[in-house]
Protein backbone atom coordinates (compact mmCIF):
# COMPACT_ATOMS: atom_id res chain seq x y z
CA MET A 1 108.24 101.78 93.46
CA SER A 2 110.40 98.71 93.87
CA ILE A 3 108.26 95.61 93.46
CA ASP A 4 109.72 92.14 93.07
CA VAL A 5 107.51 89.35 91.72
CA ASN A 6 108.86 85.84 92.14
CA ASN A 7 107.03 82.80 90.82
CA GLU A 8 108.05 79.75 92.82
CA SER A 9 104.73 77.96 92.24
CA GLY A 10 105.71 75.87 89.24
CA ARG A 11 102.69 77.27 87.35
CA ARG A 12 102.54 79.78 84.51
CA LEU A 13 101.03 83.09 85.55
CA ASP A 14 100.92 86.62 84.25
CA GLU A 15 103.69 88.09 86.39
CA GLU A 16 103.58 91.40 84.50
CA ALA A 17 99.90 91.88 85.39
CA VAL A 18 100.62 91.10 89.06
CA LEU A 19 103.44 93.65 89.02
CA ASP A 20 101.31 96.24 87.21
CA ILE A 21 98.26 95.93 89.47
CA ALA A 22 100.44 96.04 92.59
CA ARG A 23 102.08 99.24 91.32
CA TYR A 24 98.65 100.69 90.44
CA ALA A 25 97.21 99.83 93.88
CA LEU A 26 100.14 101.40 95.72
CA ALA A 27 99.96 104.55 93.61
CA ARG A 28 96.20 104.76 94.14
CA MET A 29 96.73 104.44 97.89
CA ARG A 30 99.38 107.22 97.71
CA ILE A 31 102.24 105.07 99.00
CA HIS A 32 105.68 106.65 98.63
CA PRO A 33 107.18 105.81 95.21
CA LEU A 34 110.42 104.60 96.82
CA SER A 35 108.67 102.01 98.99
CA GLU A 36 109.39 98.32 98.46
CA LEU A 37 107.14 95.30 98.07
CA SER A 38 107.72 91.62 97.41
CA VAL A 39 105.13 89.32 95.80
CA ILE A 40 105.79 85.59 95.81
CA ALA A 41 103.69 82.88 94.17
CA VAL A 42 104.08 79.49 95.85
CA ASP A 43 102.69 75.98 95.45
CA ALA A 44 99.85 74.66 97.61
CA ALA A 45 102.13 72.66 99.92
CA THR A 46 104.24 75.73 100.74
CA MET A 47 101.14 77.86 101.28
CA GLU A 48 99.68 75.19 103.55
CA GLN A 49 102.86 75.27 105.68
CA LEU A 50 102.73 79.08 105.92
CA HIS A 51 99.01 79.03 106.74
CA LYS A 52 99.55 76.53 109.55
CA GLN A 53 102.69 78.25 110.89
CA TRP A 54 101.36 81.81 110.93
CA MET A 55 97.59 81.46 111.21
CA GLU A 56 97.34 78.05 112.89
CA LEU A 57 94.82 77.03 110.23
CA PRO A 58 94.80 73.87 108.11
CA GLY A 59 95.11 73.68 104.35
CA PRO A 60 96.42 76.15 101.82
CA THR A 61 94.88 79.59 101.50
CA ASP A 62 94.75 82.03 98.59
CA VAL A 63 96.85 84.97 99.86
CA MET A 64 98.84 85.90 102.93
CA SER A 65 100.41 89.25 103.77
CA PHE A 66 103.44 89.85 105.97
CA PRO A 67 103.84 93.57 106.77
CA MET A 68 107.24 95.03 107.55
CA ASP A 69 107.24 98.78 108.30
CA GLU A 70 103.47 99.05 108.84
CA LEU A 71 103.09 101.85 106.31
CA ARG A 72 99.67 103.42 106.03
CA PRO A 73 98.11 105.56 103.32
CA PRO A 74 98.87 109.20 104.11
CA SER A 75 96.18 111.50 105.39
CA ARG A 76 94.96 114.24 103.09
CA ASP A 77 97.03 116.76 105.11
CA GLU A 78 100.36 115.00 104.58
CA GLU A 79 102.41 116.43 101.75
CA GLU A 80 104.55 113.35 101.27
CA PRO A 81 103.89 109.84 102.54
CA PRO A 82 106.64 108.00 104.40
CA GLN A 83 108.69 105.46 102.49
CA GLY A 84 109.73 102.02 103.65
CA LEU A 85 109.39 98.29 103.25
CA LEU A 86 105.76 97.32 102.83
CA GLY A 87 106.40 93.61 103.24
CA ASP A 88 105.57 90.40 101.42
CA ILE A 89 102.45 89.14 99.69
CA VAL A 90 102.33 85.38 99.17
CA LEU A 91 99.93 84.10 96.50
CA CYS A 92 98.86 80.54 95.76
CA PRO A 93 97.94 80.13 92.06
CA GLU A 94 96.47 76.67 92.67
CA VAL A 95 93.94 78.02 95.17
CA ALA A 96 93.34 81.09 92.97
CA GLU A 97 92.52 78.89 89.99
CA LYS A 98 89.94 76.92 91.98
CA GLN A 99 88.39 80.07 93.46
CA GLY A 100 88.13 81.71 90.04
CA ALA A 101 86.47 78.63 88.57
CA ASP A 102 84.05 78.31 91.52
CA ALA A 103 83.13 82.01 91.69
CA PRO A 104 79.60 83.14 90.79
CA THR A 105 81.16 85.13 87.94
CA GLU A 106 83.68 82.54 86.77
CA HIS A 107 87.05 84.04 85.92
CA SER A 108 90.62 83.00 85.21
CA MET A 109 93.39 82.21 87.64
CA ASP A 110 95.24 85.34 86.51
CA GLU A 111 92.18 87.55 87.18
CA GLU A 112 91.89 86.00 90.64
CA LEU A 113 95.61 86.58 91.28
CA GLN A 114 95.17 90.24 90.32
CA LEU A 115 92.32 90.56 92.81
CA LEU A 116 94.34 88.75 95.48
CA THR A 117 97.34 91.01 94.88
CA VAL A 118 95.21 94.07 95.64
CA HIS A 119 93.75 92.26 98.64
CA GLY A 120 97.27 91.57 99.90
CA VAL A 121 98.34 95.19 99.38
CA LEU A 122 95.36 96.40 101.40
CA HIS A 123 96.22 94.01 104.24
CA LEU A 124 99.80 95.34 104.22
CA LEU A 125 98.35 98.83 104.58
CA GLY A 126 96.35 97.86 107.67
CA TYR A 127 92.96 97.06 106.16
CA ASP A 128 91.06 94.05 107.46
CA HIS A 129 87.70 92.37 107.00
CA GLU A 130 86.89 90.76 110.33
CA GLU A 131 84.04 93.15 111.19
CA PRO A 132 81.18 93.99 108.78
CA GLY A 133 82.17 97.67 108.55
CA GLU A 134 85.82 96.81 107.91
CA ARG A 135 84.77 94.24 105.33
CA ALA A 136 82.60 96.74 103.45
CA GLU A 137 85.40 99.32 103.44
CA MET A 138 88.15 96.90 102.38
CA PHE A 139 86.19 95.07 99.70
CA GLY A 140 84.75 98.33 98.34
CA LEU A 141 88.24 99.76 98.04
CA GLN A 142 89.52 96.50 96.53
CA SER A 143 86.81 96.54 93.86
CA ALA A 144 87.42 100.22 93.07
CA ILE A 145 91.15 99.60 92.61
CA VAL A 146 90.71 96.50 90.44
CA ASP A 147 87.96 98.16 88.37
CA GLY A 148 90.09 101.29 87.89
CA TRP A 149 93.10 99.23 86.82
CA ARG A 150 91.00 97.17 84.40
CA ALA A 151 89.37 100.30 82.92
CA GLU A 152 92.74 102.00 82.38
CA ARG A 153 93.96 98.93 80.51
CA GLY A 154 90.83 98.60 78.40
CA LEU A 155 89.86 95.25 79.92
CA SER A 156 86.18 94.52 79.59
CA GLY A 157 83.74 93.93 82.40
CA PRO A 158 83.88 94.60 86.12
CA SER A 159 86.42 93.05 88.42
CA PRO A 160 85.74 89.56 89.77
CA ALA A 161 83.67 89.47 92.94
CA PRO A 162 85.73 89.04 96.12
CA THR A 163 86.35 85.36 96.78
CA THR A 164 89.24 85.52 99.22
CA THR A 165 89.18 83.45 102.36
CA SER A 166 92.07 85.32 104.00
């Protein structure tokens, strides 16, 4: 799995954890090991520009996903999933820090960024949360992935509750 993590936000963040949870999520979703992903952390002003340009919405958001090859998790019948460029996930640590602090189960910016990374991966794979059924499926899968990753690393407690606005 080729995953690039670039921090252009001007803030310190646990880039290794972002890389590790992205790799874990893609493996869990059975994405081809030669697929490529880019994760970029940006400042609030840059995220606000992207949010306005691509979503026509004001203000910065927490995470945005830009799919490339529209890869999907393989069906159970497929022996080998297709490989390709998954796309880009753009994270905003400033928004993540506020969301983590404001969440019912307060958590760190890095924990929120881990959650948002999985959220972004799922969007790249075609998951959405516009409809109640889609939301239940996506957020259930998101929690299972984050919880599994945390358990494998011996991190205590369940994953943070979904706080994403994207």
